[in-house]
Protein backbone atom coordinates (compact mmCIF):
# COMPACT_ATOMS: atom_id res chain seq x y z
CA MET A 1 64.55 13.13 12.02
CA VAL A 2 61.89 11.38 10.36
CA ILE A 3 58.66 9.81 11.68
CA PRO A 4 57.98 6.94 10.61
CA THR A 5 54.30 6.84 8.43
CA ASN A 6 53.45 3.17 9.88
CA ILE A 7 54.82 4.87 13.21
CA LEU A 8 51.51 7.67 12.59
CA ASN A 9 49.20 5.60 10.75
CA ASP A 10 49.09 3.06 13.67
CA LYS A 11 45.98 4.01 15.08
CA SER A 12 46.03 1.52 17.96
CA ILE A 13 49.05 4.17 18.99
CA LYS A 14 47.43 5.92 21.57
CA SER A 15 50.89 7.42 23.05
CA LEU A 16 53.44 9.34 21.33
CA ASP A 17 56.94 10.22 23.22
CA LEU A 18 59.36 12.12 21.07
CA SER A 19 61.02 13.96 23.86
CA ASN A 20 64.71 14.33 23.86
CA ASN A 21 65.73 15.18 20.49
CA LEU A 22 67.39 18.58 19.55
CA LEU A 23 65.31 19.76 17.08
CA THR A 24 64.23 23.19 16.82
CA ILE A 25 61.99 22.63 15.15
CA LEU A 26 58.98 20.01 14.32
CA PRO A 27 58.81 17.73 11.18
CA GLY A 28 56.85 19.78 8.26
CA GLY A 29 53.22 19.36 8.84
CA PHE A 30 54.00 17.11 12.40
CA GLY A 31 50.62 18.23 14.07
CA HIS A 32 48.63 20.25 11.37
CA ALA A 33 46.02 17.64 9.18
CA SER A 34 45.86 13.87 9.43
CA SER A 35 49.32 13.21 10.41
CA VAL A 36 48.11 11.89 14.03
CA PRO A 37 44.88 12.45 14.91
CA HIS A 38 43.87 9.18 17.06
CA ILE A 39 47.42 10.48 19.66
CA GLU A 40 45.85 10.95 23.04
CA VAL A 41 49.55 11.80 25.15
CA LEU A 42 51.63 13.30 23.15
CA TYR A 43 55.36 14.52 24.37
CA LEU A 44 57.69 16.92 22.95
CA ASN A 45 59.73 17.53 26.31
CA ASN A 46 63.40 18.37 26.00
CA TYR A 47 63.68 19.14 22.63
CA GLN A 48 65.15 22.57 22.42
CA LEU A 49 62.13 24.01 20.94
CA THR A 50 61.83 27.57 19.53
CA SER A 51 58.01 27.83 18.38
CA LEU A 52 55.25 25.71 17.16
CA SER A 53 53.84 27.16 13.43
CA ASN A 54 50.60 28.16 12.86
CA GLY A 55 47.64 26.35 12.91
CA PHE A 56 49.84 22.97 14.89
CA GLY A 57 47.60 20.81 16.89
CA GLN A 58 45.11 21.30 13.91
CA ILE A 59 42.73 18.10 14.16
CA LEU A 60 44.22 16.95 17.46
CA PRO A 61 40.34 15.54 18.68
CA ASN A 62 42.00 13.76 20.85
CA LEU A 63 44.81 14.92 22.05
CA GLU A 64 44.36 14.70 26.50
CA GLU A 65 47.97 15.58 27.30
CA LEU A 66 50.94 18.01 25.45
CA PHE A 67 54.10 17.62 26.93
CA LEU A 68 56.04 21.29 26.01
CA TYR A 69 58.17 20.85 29.01
CA ASP A 70 62.17 22.44 28.56
CA ASN A 71 61.72 23.39 25.57
CA GLN A 72 62.99 27.14 24.37
CA LEU A 73 59.18 28.04 23.67
CA THR A 74 58.57 31.97 23.97
CA SER A 75 54.76 31.51 23.11
CA LEU A 76 52.27 30.06 21.61
CA PRO A 77 50.27 30.60 18.28
CA ASP A 78 47.33 32.41 17.68
CA GLY A 79 44.61 30.44 18.34
CA PHE A 80 46.84 27.62 20.08
CA GLY A 81 43.86 25.04 22.13
CA GLN A 82 41.51 26.24 19.76
CA ASN A 83 40.97 22.57 17.82
CA LEU A 84 42.50 20.87 21.05
CA PRO A 85 38.91 19.82 22.33
CA ASN A 86 39.45 17.07 24.68
CA LEU A 87 42.86 18.86 26.31
CA GLU A 88 42.88 18.56 29.40
CA GLU A 89 46.21 18.96 30.88
CA LEU A 90 49.37 20.88 29.01
CA PHE A 91 52.68 21.23 30.77
CA LEU A 92 55.27 24.46 29.49
CA TYR A 93 57.63 25.20 32.48
CA ASP A 94 60.80 25.40 31.90
CA ASN A 95 61.28 27.19 28.50
CA GLN A 96 62.10 30.72 28.24
């Protein structure tokens, strides 16, 4: 899956729904550095994700809701959430 650069760079997009894919890992760099700092709601459910990379969520200061349910996650990376100061809701049900 390739996420078009123009979508990631569009500061008016506050909610990004990438659910219902068959990926087991996210594209390199997604959720790191300045890839999507303006996103407030991120749907990554129904992916079959088996893990999140260390540092996932860095520089997502506006993220308020993160949907990770219906994946194959068994744990979250060390320090997950430390760089998510506005995170209010995290949905993790139906994982491993």
